[in-house]
Amino acid sequence: MSSPRRIRLLARPLAAGLLSLALLSSACGPEEGDGVAAPYDLLIRGGTVVDGTGSERFRADVALAGDTIARVARSGLPTDSARQVLDATGLVVAPGFIDNHAHVETSFDDRPLAENFLRQGITTVLASLHSRDQPYPLAAYMDSLRRDGLAPNIGFFAGHTWARKRVLGYADRAPTGEELAEMRTLVREAMEDGALGLSTGLQYIPANYAETEEVIALAEVASTHGGIYSSHMRNEARGLLSSVRELIRIADEAGIPAQIQHHKAFGPGQWGWSERSLALIDSARAEGLDVKHDLYPYTAASTGWDVLFPEWALAGGTDSLLARLETSGTRKKIRADMREEWRAVWTGDDLCRIQFRTVDALPEYDGRRLCDLARDRGMPNEVDAGITLVMELARDGGFSAIYHAMSEEDVRRIMSHEWAMIETDGDAVAFGRGFPHPRSYGAFPRVLARYVRELGVLELEEAVKKMTSMPADQIGQPDRGRIREGAYADITVFHPERVGDRATFTAPHRYPVGIVHVLVNGTPVIEDASLTGRKPGRVLTGPARPAAVQR
């Protein structure tokens, strides 16, 4: 450990000066395993360390002082060297997992313990927003989280959708010069408040009404403040390749690192296209652009009902759509556009690919499928019947759904790519309420169980790197995502042979198994597989990169 690094860490205020003593002992005192007692707060003893960098695992004891990893002792440390000892015999000690994208926004106001995330081993959740509303003013909301407390760390992005709705509503048009300047001001305010970058949900209204130039203009603002660009791309199905090219163009022209979120080849007609979308990423990186991506380990997506309608029909919002459905000629045009898109993307010839999460007008169908509703109404399992039913449900309040429209081969190919990371794309759920996608409960353990242990798609060290140091570096947090001396003590301890997801598409409210201990900033939030109720999480702020020069 170099002297400059040690001096900077010692300047960080910690309880009772324990970090100072521990780091000085580590840097200047006896060698590891010498039996000399040190004032550590907590010792994780007997585990196998997978340090998050991709390096080979090794046996070591890990000692914490305050919020920091003070010792990583390959030769071991005595049990009396710490106030608390956690037994990790037979377990893996890894950095806490970082969820690249989850739908949390202001959810931690109601569920500050975020148990469904913690039990996956997640210690940091990123609110990338996409199509969601951004808390405003962001600085004030961050202060409220610091005041009230939360269990995991959290980071926020500036939301393009939010800014566009605030200035243009649901209008399907380009902004005027004055309106674009107002949107840029909103992004600048969020970045100055501590946002990590700009996020877009270009598949959804009203963001999909934006031309690429609008997004570039906002991304330039984020870039000048050291932000990154993350995107639910414009089209993950028939427009997948053009959407990847658009993201690469934004990265290039705005001078900003870019990240594809929940990368997928969606719809039966596009299965296998991940080979080409990954080639585009590789080509961009070869040209010097910083382009990465992430995914969740499932072959089904989840979103609202409006994606099943043509974008033009949604202009002006739900009320405008419903008015169009009342006009015979317009309804016929909507149906014709939907028929073509459904066959290529959403259903093929099987309505069972659409599984309801929650149906406002028909709660008895929560968790069931569109083909079930068609059968119960005496209708055939075909696209035209499904369109009729979805139009009816839109009039009656809509629904959210799980869309079973991805291939396992594409999931494996994307996951094994060098620059892929992991996310949940999940919600902060209340146990037993609603019908969530199982990713909200099981995404990270599923990677470790299915894709590491069972299928061998990834080696354990590689999988942990994709969950830890890669996303930490992506958001400019090099002191997280690693088991090393001086890093923040975000740590997940799991059983490598037992860890796994239990949530399914028919029984989603099931916590995973095999996650034994989870620590956030040195404080146990899961201990011996039990929730502690403690709230040591922090708000992580930008810049994620050195600020770019104004163009």
Protein backbone atom coordinates (compact mmCIF):
# COMPACT_ATOMS: atom_id res chain seq x y z
CA MET A 1 0.00 0.00 0.00
CA SER A 2 1.51 3.29 -1.06
CA SER A 3 1.87 6.19 1.31
CA PRO A 4 -0.37 8.60 -0.66
CA ARG A 5 -3.18 6.04 -0.68
CA ARG A 6 -2.80 5.40 3.05
CA ILE A 7 -2.80 9.10 3.90
CA ARG A 8 -5.97 9.73 1.89
CA LEU A 9 -7.81 6.89 3.55
CA LEU A 10 -6.75 7.93 7.02
CA ALA A 11 -8.27 11.33 6.39
CA ARG A 12 -11.70 9.72 6.06
CA PRO A 13 -13.56 10.12 9.41
CA LEU A 14 -14.28 6.75 11.05
CA ALA A 15 -15.57 5.68 14.44
CA ALA A 16 -13.02 5.96 17.24
CA GLY A 17 -10.11 6.21 14.81
CA LEU A 18 -10.14 2.44 14.33
CA LEU A 19 -9.30 2.61 10.65
CA SER A 20 -6.18 4.65 11.33
CA LEU A 21 -4.88 2.10 13.82
CA ALA A 22 -5.78 -0.85 11.62
CA LEU A 23 -4.20 0.51 8.46
CA LEU A 24 -1.05 1.60 10.25
CA SER A 25 -0.81 -1.89 11.71
CA SER A 26 -1.26 -3.38 8.25
CA ALA A 27 1.21 -1.07 6.55
CA CYS A 28 3.92 -0.80 9.17
CA GLY A 29 3.35 -3.59 11.68
CA PRO A 30 4.06 -7.34 11.78
CA GLU A 31 3.34 -9.67 8.87
CA GLU A 32 0.01 -11.45 8.30
CA GLY A 33 -0.85 -14.26 10.66
CA ASP A 34 1.66 -13.23 13.33
CA GLY A 35 -0.96 -13.44 16.09
CA VAL A 36 -0.64 -9.79 17.13
CA ALA A 37 -4.02 -8.46 18.21
CA ALA A 38 -5.40 -5.45 16.35
CA PRO A 39 -8.43 -3.29 17.10
CA TYR A 40 -10.66 -4.67 14.37
CA ASP A 41 -14.41 -4.35 14.58
CA LEU A 42 -15.28 -7.49 12.68
CA LEU A 43 -13.43 -10.53 11.37
CA ILE A 44 -14.68 -12.77 8.55
CA ARG A 45 -12.74 -15.92 9.24
CA GLY A 46 -11.99 -19.09 7.33
CA GLY A 47 -13.43 -18.16 3.94
CA THR A 48 -12.25 -18.37 0.36
CA VAL A 49 -11.82 -14.89 -1.08
CA VAL A 50 -12.96 -14.15 -4.62
CA ASP A 51 -11.75 -10.58 -4.68
CA GLY A 52 -13.81 -9.16 -7.56
CA THR A 53 -10.93 -8.47 -9.94
CA GLY A 54 -11.13 -11.79 -11.75
CA SER A 55 -8.00 -13.07 -10.02
CA GLU A 56 -7.86 -16.65 -8.77
CA ARG A 57 -9.57 -17.31 -5.44
CA PHE A 58 -7.50 -17.69 -2.28
CA ARG A 59 -7.96 -18.57 1.39
CA ALA A 60 -7.82 -15.55 3.71
CA ASP A 61 -9.33 -13.91 6.77
CA VAL A 62 -10.80 -10.46 6.19
CA ALA A 63 -10.74 -7.92 9.03
CA LEU A 64 -12.80 -4.73 9.08
CA ALA A 65 -12.28 -1.45 10.87
CA GLY A 66 -15.25 0.86 10.70
CA ASP A 67 -16.51 0.95 7.14
CA THR A 68 -13.30 -0.30 5.62
CA ILE A 69 -11.42 -3.52 4.89
CA ALA A 70 -8.33 -3.20 7.07
CA ARG A 71 -6.62 -6.59 6.58
CA VAL A 72 -6.78 -9.40 4.06
CA ALA A 73 -4.66 -12.01 5.82
CA ARG A 74 -3.84 -15.10 3.76
CA SER A 75 -2.14 -16.69 6.77
CA GLY A 76 -5.09 -16.02 9.04
CA LEU A 77 -5.84 -13.83 12.04
CA PRO A 78 -6.66 -14.81 15.64
CA THR A 79 -10.29 -14.72 16.71
CA ASP A 80 -9.49 -12.32 19.56
CA SER A 81 -8.31 -9.67 17.12
CA ALA A 82 -11.87 -8.45 16.51
CA ARG A 83 -14.96 -7.57 18.51
CA GLN A 84 -17.15 -9.75 16.29
CA VAL A 85 -16.30 -12.86 14.28
CA LEU A 86 -18.32 -14.25 11.37
CA ASP A 87 -17.52 -17.83 10.45
CA ALA A 88 -16.98 -18.24 6.70
CA THR A 89 -15.64 -21.80 6.72
CA GLY A 90 -16.56 -23.45 3.43
CA LEU A 91 -17.95 -20.15 2.11
CA VAL A 92 -16.92 -17.62 -0.52
CA VAL A 93 -16.12 -14.08 0.62
CA ALA A 94 -16.78 -11.69 -2.26
CA PRO A 95 -17.37 -7.97 -2.70
CA GLY A 96 -21.00 -6.96 -2.35
CA PHE A 97 -22.89 -7.23 -5.61
CA ILE A 98 -23.79 -4.05 -7.52
CA ASP A 99 -27.14 -4.02 -9.31
CA ASN A 100 -26.66 -2.01 -12.51
CA HIS A 101 -30.35 -1.21 -12.88
CA ALA A 102 -33.41 -1.54 -10.66
CA HIS A 103 -36.75 0.23 -10.42
CA VAL A 104 -36.38 1.90 -7.06
CA GLU A 105 -36.76 5.65 -7.63
CA THR A 106 -38.40 6.60 -4.30
CA SER A 107 -39.24 3.02 -3.22
CA PHE A 108 -36.80 3.11 -0.32
CA ASP A 109 -39.07 5.67 1.36
CA ASP A 110 -41.46 2.79 2.08
CA ARG A 111 -39.01 -0.14 2.11
CA PRO A 112 -35.64 1.20 3.27
CA LEU A 113 -34.35 -2.30 4.08
CA ALA A 114 -34.81 -3.40 0.44
CA GLU A 115 -34.83 -7.00 1.63
CA ASN A 116 -35.36 -8.62 -1.77
CA PHE A 117 -32.13 -6.99 -2.96
CA LEU A 118 -30.08 -7.65 0.18
CA ARG A 119 -30.95 -11.35 0.17
CA GLN A 120 -29.43 -11.62 -3.30
CA GLY A 121 -26.14 -10.33 -1.92
CA ILE A 122 -26.68 -6.89 -3.45
CA THR A 123 -25.08 -4.04 -1.50
CA THR A 124 -25.50 -1.23 -4.07
CA VAL A 125 -28.57 -0.50 -6.20
CA LEU A 126 -28.49 1.89 -9.14
CA ALA A 127 -31.67 3.79 -9.99
CA SER A 128 -31.13 4.25 -13.73
CA LEU A 129 -34.71 5.52 -14.08
CA HIS A 130 -35.10 5.04 -17.86
CA SER A 131 -38.85 5.58 -18.23
CA ARG A 132 -39.42 6.47 -14.56
CA ASP A 133 -39.69 9.86 -12.88
CA GLN A 134 -36.64 11.30 -11.20
CA PRO A 135 -36.88 12.60 -7.63
CA TYR A 136 -36.70 16.38 -7.80
CA PRO A 137 -34.79 18.24 -6.57
CA LEU A 138 -32.40 15.29 -6.54
CA ALA A 139 -30.11 16.81 -3.90
CA ALA A 140 -33.00 17.25 -1.47
CA TYR A 141 -34.13 13.67 -1.98
CA MET A 142 -30.61 12.37 -1.46
CA ASP A 143 -30.46 14.33 1.81
CA SER A 144 -33.72 12.72 2.94
CA LEU A 145 -32.26 9.26 2.34
CA ARG A 146 -29.17 10.15 4.33
CA ARG A 147 -31.36 11.43 7.14
CA ASP A 148 -33.83 8.55 7.27
CA GLY A 149 -31.37 5.77 6.41
CA LEU A 150 -31.43 2.82 4.03
CA ALA A 151 -29.82 -0.60 4.04
CA PRO A 152 -28.04 -0.77 0.66
CA ASN A 153 -26.08 1.95 -1.07
CA ILE A 154 -27.89 3.74 -3.88
CA GLY A 155 -26.91 5.86 -6.87
CA PHE A 156 -29.10 7.93 -9.18
CA PHE A 157 -29.10 9.04 -12.81
CA ALA A 158 -30.60 12.06 -14.50
CA GLY A 159 -33.67 10.87 -16.39
CA HIS A 160 -34.29 11.88 -19.99
CA THR A 161 -37.92 10.72 -19.84
CA TRP A 162 -38.54 12.79 -16.73
CA ALA A 163 -36.96 15.89 -18.26
CA ARG A 164 -38.90 15.51 -21.50
CA LYS A 165 -42.24 15.02 -19.73
CA ARG A 166 -41.55 18.04 -17.55
CA VAL A 167 -40.94 20.26 -20.59
CA LEU A 168 -42.97 18.68 -23.42
CA GLY A 169 -45.44 16.36 -21.74
CA TYR A 170 -46.41 13.53 -24.09
CA ALA A 171 -46.08 15.56 -27.27
CA ASP A 172 -44.77 13.70 -30.31
CA ARG A 173 -42.47 16.40 -31.65
CA ALA A 174 -38.98 17.80 -31.36
CA PRO A 175 -38.34 20.45 -28.70
CA THR A 176 -37.85 24.05 -29.66
CA GLY A 177 -34.45 25.58 -28.97
CA GLU A 178 -35.80 27.10 -25.77
CA GLU A 179 -37.34 23.79 -24.65
CA LEU A 180 -34.12 21.89 -25.33
CA ALA A 181 -32.21 24.46 -23.29
CA GLU A 182 -34.66 23.87 -20.42
CA MET A 183 -34.13 20.13 -20.64
CA ARG A 184 -30.37 20.61 -20.63
CA THR A 185 -30.72 22.75 -17.51
CA LEU A 186 -32.65 19.98 -15.75
CA VAL A 187 -29.93 17.46 -16.61
CA ARG A 188 -27.24 19.88 -15.47
CA GLU A 189 -29.01 20.41 -12.13
CA ALA A 190 -29.24 16.66 -11.56
CA MET A 191 -25.58 16.16 -12.43
CA GLU A 192 -24.53 18.95 -10.08
CA ASP A 193 -26.66 17.34 -7.37
CA GLY A 194 -24.67 14.11 -7.73
CA ALA A 195 -26.26 12.05 -10.53
CA LEU A 196 -23.95 9.46 -12.04
CA GLY A 197 -25.00 10.16 -15.60
CA LEU A 198 -27.90 10.38 -18.04
CA SER A 199 -30.31 7.50 -18.60
CA THR A 200 -32.84 7.00 -21.36
CA GLY A 201 -35.79 4.67 -21.92
CA LEU A 202 -36.12 5.21 -25.65
CA GLN A 203 -38.56 2.35 -26.17
CA TYR A 204 -41.22 4.09 -24.11
CA ILE A 205 -43.34 7.18 -24.61
CA PRO A 206 -42.58 10.03 -24.57
CA ALA A 207 -38.83 9.33 -24.82
CA ASN A 208 -39.21 7.46 -28.10
CA TYR A 209 -40.47 10.67 -29.70
CA ALA A 210 -36.98 12.12 -29.28
CA GLU A 211 -34.60 12.26 -32.22
CA THR A 212 -31.03 11.11 -31.63
CA GLU A 213 -29.79 14.70 -31.74
CA GLU A 214 -31.91 15.55 -28.69
CA VAL A 215 -30.33 12.73 -26.70
CA ILE A 216 -26.84 13.77 -27.81
CA ALA A 217 -27.47 17.33 -26.64
CA LEU A 218 -28.43 16.07 -23.16
CA ALA A 219 -25.64 13.50 -23.05
CA GLU A 220 -23.15 16.29 -23.73
CA VAL A 221 -24.30 17.98 -20.52
CA ALA A 222 -23.82 14.78 -18.55
CA SER A 223 -20.41 14.28 -20.14
CA THR A 224 -19.17 17.72 -19.14
CA HIS A 225 -20.04 16.81 -15.54
CA GLY A 226 -18.24 13.46 -15.62
CA GLY A 227 -21.34 11.34 -16.24
CA ILE A 228 -21.94 8.16 -18.19
CA TYR A 229 -24.83 7.30 -20.49
CA SER A 230 -27.06 4.27 -19.81
CA SER A 231 -29.94 3.30 -22.03
CA HIS A 232 -32.89 1.02 -22.43
CA MET A 233 -32.45 1.26 -26.17
CA ARG A 234 -35.02 2.38 -28.68
CA ASN A 235 -35.82 -1.08 -29.95
CA GLU A 236 -34.56 -4.41 -28.61
CA ALA A 237 -36.36 -6.47 -31.27
CA ARG A 238 -36.48 -5.78 -35.01
CA GLY A 239 -34.61 -2.53 -34.45
CA LEU A 240 -31.92 -4.06 -32.22
CA LEU A 241 -28.95 -3.44 -34.49
CA SER A 242 -29.96 0.11 -35.44
CA SER A 243 -30.52 0.85 -31.74
CA VAL A 244 -27.03 -0.34 -30.82
CA ARG A 245 -25.65 1.84 -33.60
CA GLU A 246 -27.61 4.80 -32.20
CA LEU A 247 -26.14 4.24 -28.73
CA ILE A 248 -22.65 4.09 -30.23
CA ARG A 249 -23.29 7.31 -32.12
CA ILE A 250 -24.40 9.03 -28.91
CA ALA A 251 -21.26 7.83 -27.13
CA ASP A 252 -19.10 9.12 -29.96
CA GLU A 253 -20.69 12.50 -30.59
CA ALA A 254 -21.32 13.34 -26.92
CA GLY A 255 -17.91 12.08 -25.82
CA ILE A 256 -19.42 9.91 -23.10
CA PRO A 257 -19.05 6.27 -21.91
CA ALA A 258 -22.19 4.34 -22.84
CA GLN A 259 -23.92 1.29 -21.40
CA ILE A 260 -26.65 -0.83 -22.94
CA GLN A 261 -28.98 -1.92 -20.17
CA HIS A 262 -30.66 -5.35 -20.19
CA HIS A 263 -29.12 -6.24 -23.53
CA LYS A 264 -31.28 -8.78 -25.32
CA ALA A 265 -32.46 -9.99 -28.73
CA PHE A 266 -36.19 -9.79 -28.18
CA GLY A 267 -38.81 -11.73 -30.10
CA PRO A 268 -38.62 -15.06 -31.95
CA GLY A 269 -37.81 -13.29 -35.21
CA GLN A 270 -34.62 -11.85 -33.68
CA TRP A 271 -33.22 -14.87 -31.87
CA GLY A 272 -29.52 -15.19 -32.61
CA TRP A 273 -29.05 -11.51 -33.39
CA SER A 274 -26.96 -11.08 -30.23
CA GLU A 275 -24.01 -12.31 -32.24
CA ARG A 276 -24.29 -9.22 -34.41
CA SER A 277 -25.12 -6.79 -31.61
CA LEU A 278 -22.06 -7.95 -29.67
CA ALA A 279 -19.93 -7.51 -32.79
CA LEU A 280 -21.07 -3.88 -32.94
CA ILE A 281 -19.93 -3.36 -29.34
CA ASP A 282 -16.57 -4.94 -30.11
CA SER A 283 -16.12 -2.73 -33.17
CA ALA A 284 -16.95 0.41 -31.19
CA ARG A 285 -14.47 -0.52 -28.48
CA ALA A 286 -11.82 -1.24 -31.11
CA GLU A 287 -12.31 2.34 -32.30
CA GLY A 288 -11.64 3.64 -28.79
CA LEU A 289 -15.20 4.16 -27.55
CA ASP A 290 -16.13 3.08 -24.01
CA VAL A 291 -19.22 0.92 -24.61
CA LYS A 292 -20.37 -1.75 -22.15
CA HIS A 293 -23.62 -3.59 -21.45
CA ASP A 294 -25.51 -5.58 -18.83
CA LEU A 295 -28.25 -8.19 -18.64
CA TYR A 296 -30.47 -10.19 -16.32
CA PRO A 297 -30.31 -14.01 -16.45
CA TYR A 298 -33.82 -14.80 -17.72
CA THR A 299 -35.50 -15.41 -21.06
CA ALA A 300 -38.47 -13.19 -20.23
CA ALA A 301 -38.80 -9.43 -19.91
CA SER A 302 -41.31 -7.42 -17.90
CA THR A 303 -42.94 -4.10 -18.58
CA GLY A 304 -46.32 -2.44 -19.04
CA TRP A 305 -49.05 -3.00 -21.60
CA ASP A 306 -48.54 0.06 -23.76
CA VAL A 307 -45.49 -1.42 -25.53
CA LEU A 308 -47.94 -3.69 -27.36
CA PHE A 309 -49.36 -0.69 -29.23
CA PRO A 310 -47.73 1.32 -32.05
CA GLU A 311 -45.75 4.30 -30.82
CA TRP A 312 -47.74 6.74 -32.96
CA ALA A 313 -50.97 5.57 -31.35
CA LEU A 314 -49.67 6.44 -27.88
CA ALA A 315 -48.89 10.10 -28.65
CA GLY A 316 -50.53 12.31 -26.07
CA GLY A 317 -50.80 9.55 -23.47
CA THR A 318 -53.37 6.92 -22.54
CA ASP A 319 -56.42 9.13 -22.99
CA SER A 320 -55.38 9.91 -26.56
CA LEU A 321 -54.88 6.21 -27.30
CA LEU A 322 -58.32 5.36 -25.97
CA ALA A 323 -59.88 8.09 -28.10
CA ARG A 324 -58.18 6.65 -31.19
CA LEU A 325 -59.51 3.19 -30.37
CA GLU A 326 -63.04 4.61 -30.51
CA THR A 327 -62.56 5.66 -34.15
CA SER A 328 -63.19 2.76 -36.50
CA GLY A 329 -60.65 3.64 -39.20
CA THR A 330 -57.89 4.46 -36.71
CA ARG A 331 -58.61 1.33 -34.71
CA LYS A 332 -58.22 -0.78 -37.86
CA LYS A 333 -54.84 0.83 -38.59
CA ILE A 334 -53.72 0.24 -34.99
CA ARG A 335 -54.80 -3.39 -35.22
CA ALA A 336 -52.93 -3.91 -38.51
CA ASP A 337 -49.71 -2.46 -37.07
CA MET A 338 -50.08 -4.54 -33.90
CA ARG A 339 -50.69 -7.75 -35.84
CA GLU A 340 -47.38 -7.48 -37.69
CA GLU A 341 -45.38 -6.51 -34.60
CA TRP A 342 -46.91 -9.15 -32.37
CA ARG A 343 -46.04 -11.99 -34.73
CA ALA A 344 -42.42 -10.88 -35.06
CA VAL A 345 -41.83 -9.74 -31.50
CA TRP A 346 -44.35 -10.29 -28.73
CA THR A 347 -46.13 -13.58 -29.26
CA GLY A 348 -45.26 -15.31 -32.49
CA ASP A 349 -48.38 -17.46 -32.83
CA ASP A 350 -48.76 -18.17 -29.10
CA LEU A 351 -50.56 -15.83 -26.70
CA CYS A 352 -49.10 -17.84 -23.81
CA ARG A 353 -45.89 -15.80 -24.26
CA ILE A 354 -47.66 -12.92 -22.46
CA GLN A 355 -48.06 -13.58 -18.74
CA PHE A 356 -49.97 -11.06 -16.65
CA ARG A 357 -48.33 -9.64 -13.54
CA THR A 358 -51.22 -7.47 -12.38
CA VAL A 359 -54.50 -6.82 -14.20
CA ASP A 360 -56.43 -3.88 -12.81
CA ALA A 361 -59.84 -5.04 -13.99
CA LEU A 362 -59.28 -8.80 -13.60
CA PRO A 363 -57.07 -9.46 -10.57
CA GLU A 364 -57.99 -13.15 -10.71
CA TYR A 365 -55.72 -13.32 -13.77
CA ASP A 366 -52.61 -12.06 -11.96
CA GLY A 367 -49.90 -14.59 -12.81
CA ARG A 368 -51.94 -16.22 -15.58
CA ARG A 369 -51.45 -15.84 -19.32
CA LEU A 370 -53.20 -14.08 -22.17
CA CYS A 371 -53.96 -17.48 -23.71
CA ASP A 372 -55.83 -18.39 -20.49
CA LEU A 373 -58.01 -15.32 -20.81
CA ALA A 374 -58.66 -16.08 -24.48
CA ARG A 375 -59.64 -19.67 -23.69
CA ASP A 376 -61.95 -18.59 -20.88
CA ARG A 377 -63.67 -16.18 -23.27
CA GLY A 378 -64.08 -18.90 -25.90
CA MET A 379 -61.53 -17.26 -28.18
CA PRO A 380 -58.70 -18.96 -30.10
CA ASN A 381 -55.02 -18.76 -29.16
CA GLU A 382 -54.14 -16.42 -32.01
CA VAL A 383 -52.89 -12.90 -32.50
CA ASP A 384 -56.18 -11.23 -33.51
CA ALA A 385 -57.95 -12.56 -30.43
CA GLY A 386 -55.09 -11.35 -28.24
CA ILE A 387 -55.22 -7.87 -29.75
CA THR A 388 -58.96 -7.66 -29.09
CA LEU A 389 -58.43 -8.62 -25.44
CA VAL A 390 -55.53 -6.19 -24.94
CA MET A 391 -57.55 -3.33 -26.39
CA GLU A 392 -60.33 -4.19 -23.94
CA LEU A 393 -57.92 -4.30 -21.00
CA ALA A 394 -56.39 -0.96 -22.04
CA ARG A 395 -59.85 0.60 -21.72
CA ASP A 396 -60.28 -0.98 -18.28
CA GLY A 397 -57.06 0.29 -16.67
CA GLY A 398 -54.34 -1.73 -18.33
CA PHE A 399 -51.94 -4.28 -16.89
CA SER A 400 -48.31 -5.14 -16.37
CA ALA A 401 -46.90 -8.31 -17.87
CA ILE A 402 -44.01 -10.71 -18.28
CA TYR A 403 -43.10 -11.34 -21.91
CA HIS A 404 -41.54 -14.74 -22.63
CA ALA A 405 -39.78 -13.81 -25.85
CA MET A 406 -36.02 -14.35 -25.52
CA SER A 407 -33.76 -17.30 -26.27
CA GLU A 408 -31.48 -19.05 -23.80
CA GLU A 409 -28.69 -19.11 -26.38
CA ASP A 410 -28.73 -15.31 -26.63
CA VAL A 411 -28.70 -14.95 -22.83
CA ARG A 412 -25.62 -17.17 -22.55
CA ARG A 413 -23.82 -15.45 -25.43
CA ILE A 414 -24.42 -11.97 -24.00
CA MET A 415 -23.50 -13.01 -20.46
CA SER A 416 -20.18 -14.53 -21.50
CA HIS A 417 -19.10 -11.39 -23.38
CA GLU A 418 -16.05 -9.72 -21.86
CA TRP A 419 -17.78 -6.39 -21.18
CA ALA A 420 -21.13 -7.67 -19.89
CA MET A 421 -22.28 -6.98 -16.32
CA ILE A 422 -25.29 -8.15 -14.30
CA GLU A 423 -28.48 -6.39 -13.22
CA THR A 424 -31.88 -7.32 -11.81
CA ASP A 425 -34.09 -4.84 -13.68
CA GLY A 426 -36.20 -5.61 -10.63
CA ASP A 427 -38.49 -3.80 -8.24
CA ALA A 428 -38.27 -3.08 -4.53
CA VAL A 429 -41.06 -5.50 -3.71
CA ALA A 430 -43.02 -6.23 -0.57
CA PHE A 431 -42.95 -9.95 0.14
CA GLY A 432 -46.16 -11.66 -0.98
CA ARG A 433 -47.66 -8.61 -2.70
CA GLY A 434 -48.39 -8.51 -6.41
CA PHE A 435 -46.87 -10.79 -9.02
CA PRO A 436 -43.33 -9.62 -9.78
CA HIS A 437 -40.85 -10.98 -12.28
CA PRO A 438 -38.65 -13.49 -10.39
CA ARG A 439 -35.60 -11.36 -11.19
CA SER A 440 -36.60 -9.11 -8.29
CA TYR A 441 -35.75 -11.99 -5.96
CA GLY A 442 -33.20 -14.12 -7.73
CA ALA A 443 -31.12 -12.56 -10.54
CA PHE A 444 -27.68 -12.60 -8.90
CA PRO A 445 -27.98 -16.00 -7.16
CA ARG A 446 -29.31 -17.41 -10.43
CA VAL A 447 -26.12 -16.41 -12.24
CA LEU A 448 -24.04 -18.17 -9.57
CA ALA A 449 -26.20 -21.29 -9.57
CA ARG A 450 -27.30 -21.83 -13.16
CA TYR A 451 -24.64 -20.12 -15.24
CA VAL A 452 -21.59 -20.78 -13.04
CA ARG A 453 -22.18 -24.00 -11.12
CA GLU A 454 -24.58 -25.88 -13.41
CA LEU A 455 -23.82 -24.80 -16.97
CA GLY A 456 -20.26 -23.49 -16.70
CA VAL A 457 -20.98 -20.45 -18.87
CA LEU A 458 -18.81 -18.39 -16.51
CA GLU A 459 -16.07 -19.22 -14.05
CA LEU A 460 -16.88 -18.08 -10.51
CA GLU A 461 -14.16 -15.42 -10.52
CA GLU A 462 -15.41 -14.02 -13.83
CA ALA A 463 -19.03 -13.93 -12.66
CA VAL A 464 -18.13 -12.11 -9.44
CA LYS A 465 -16.09 -9.56 -11.40
CA LYS A 466 -19.13 -8.82 -13.58
CA MET A 467 -21.14 -8.24 -10.40
CA THR A 468 -18.61 -6.15 -8.49
CA SER A 469 -15.49 -4.37 -9.74
CA MET A 470 -16.76 -3.84 -13.29
CA PRO A 471 -19.90 -1.92 -12.26
CA ALA A 472 -17.97 -0.16 -9.47
CA ASP A 473 -15.47 1.15 -12.00
CA GLN A 474 -18.27 2.03 -14.40
CA ILE A 475 -19.77 4.47 -11.88
CA GLY A 476 -16.43 5.83 -10.66
CA GLN A 477 -16.28 3.95 -7.35
CA PRO A 478 -12.84 2.23 -7.40
CA ASP A 479 -12.92 1.78 -3.61
CA ARG A 480 -15.92 -0.53 -3.91
CA GLY A 481 -16.39 -3.83 -5.69
CA ARG A 482 -13.15 -5.34 -4.37
CA ILE A 483 -11.87 -7.32 -1.42
CA ARG A 484 -8.67 -5.45 -0.72
CA GLU A 485 -7.19 -3.42 2.07
CA GLY A 486 -8.46 0.15 2.06
CA ALA A 487 -11.64 -0.59 0.13
CA TYR A 488 -15.10 -0.02 1.56
CA ALA A 489 -16.40 -3.10 3.33
CA ASP A 490 -19.32 -3.98 1.07
CA ILE A 491 -19.11 -7.78 1.31
CA THR A 492 -21.25 -10.79 0.41
CA VAL A 493 -20.52 -14.23 1.88
CA PHE A 494 -22.20 -17.18 0.17
CA HIS A 495 -22.14 -20.95 -0.05
CA PRO A 496 -20.78 -21.81 -3.52
CA GLU A 497 -22.53 -25.19 -3.69
CA ARG A 498 -25.89 -24.05 -2.30
CA VAL A 499 -26.40 -20.53 -3.56
CA GLY A 500 -29.30 -20.28 -5.95
CA ASP A 501 -32.59 -18.64 -6.87
CA ARG A 502 -35.94 -20.08 -5.85
CA ALA A 503 -38.35 -17.53 -7.34
CA THR A 504 -40.16 -18.73 -10.45
CA PHE A 505 -42.59 -17.27 -12.96
CA THR A 506 -45.47 -19.00 -11.20
CA ALA A 507 -44.24 -18.57 -7.61
CA PRO A 508 -42.17 -15.36 -7.59
CA HIS A 509 -42.19 -14.53 -3.86
CA ARG A 510 -39.34 -16.78 -2.81
CA TYR A 511 -36.04 -15.60 -1.41
CA PRO A 512 -32.85 -17.23 -2.71
CA VAL A 513 -30.74 -19.64 -0.69
CA GLY A 514 -27.04 -19.75 0.08
CA ILE A 515 -26.48 -16.05 0.84
CA VAL A 516 -25.16 -16.24 4.42
CA HIS A 517 -23.77 -12.81 5.35
CA VAL A 518 -24.09 -9.41 3.65
CA LEU A 519 -22.28 -6.31 4.92
CA VAL A 520 -22.75 -2.73 3.73
CA ASN A 521 -20.04 -0.27 4.72
CA GLY A 522 -18.79 -2.72 7.34
CA THR A 523 -22.19 -3.30 8.97
CA PRO A 524 -24.04 -6.63 8.70
CA VAL A 525 -27.43 -6.25 7.02
CA ILE A 526 -27.82 -10.02 6.56
CA GLU A 527 -26.20 -12.15 9.27
CA ASP A 528 -26.46 -15.93 9.34
CA ALA A 529 -29.10 -15.58 6.59
CA SER A 530 -31.25 -13.30 8.79
CA LEU A 531 -32.17 -9.66 8.19
CA THR A 532 -30.61 -7.43 10.87
CA GLY A 533 -32.74 -4.32 10.25
CA ARG A 534 -29.70 -2.03 10.19
CA LYS A 535 -29.44 0.81 7.67
CA PRO A 536 -25.79 1.61 6.89
CA GLY A 537 -26.30 2.39 3.19
CA ARG A 538 -25.01 5.57 1.57
CA VAL A 539 -25.87 7.67 -1.44
CA LEU A 540 -23.16 7.25 -4.07
CA THR A 541 -22.61 10.36 -6.15
CA GLY A 542 -20.71 11.31 -9.29
CA PRO A 543 -18.66 12.11 -11.14
CA ALA A 544 -18.36 8.66 -12.64
CA ARG A 545 -15.51 9.88 -14.87
CA PRO A 546 -13.33 12.96 -15.14
CA ALA A 547 -15.49 15.70 -16.60
CA ALA A 548 -15.20 16.12 -20.36
CA VAL A 549 -14.15 19.37 -21.97
CA GLN A 550 -17.11 21.44 -23.14
CA ARG A 551 -17.49 21.06 -26.90
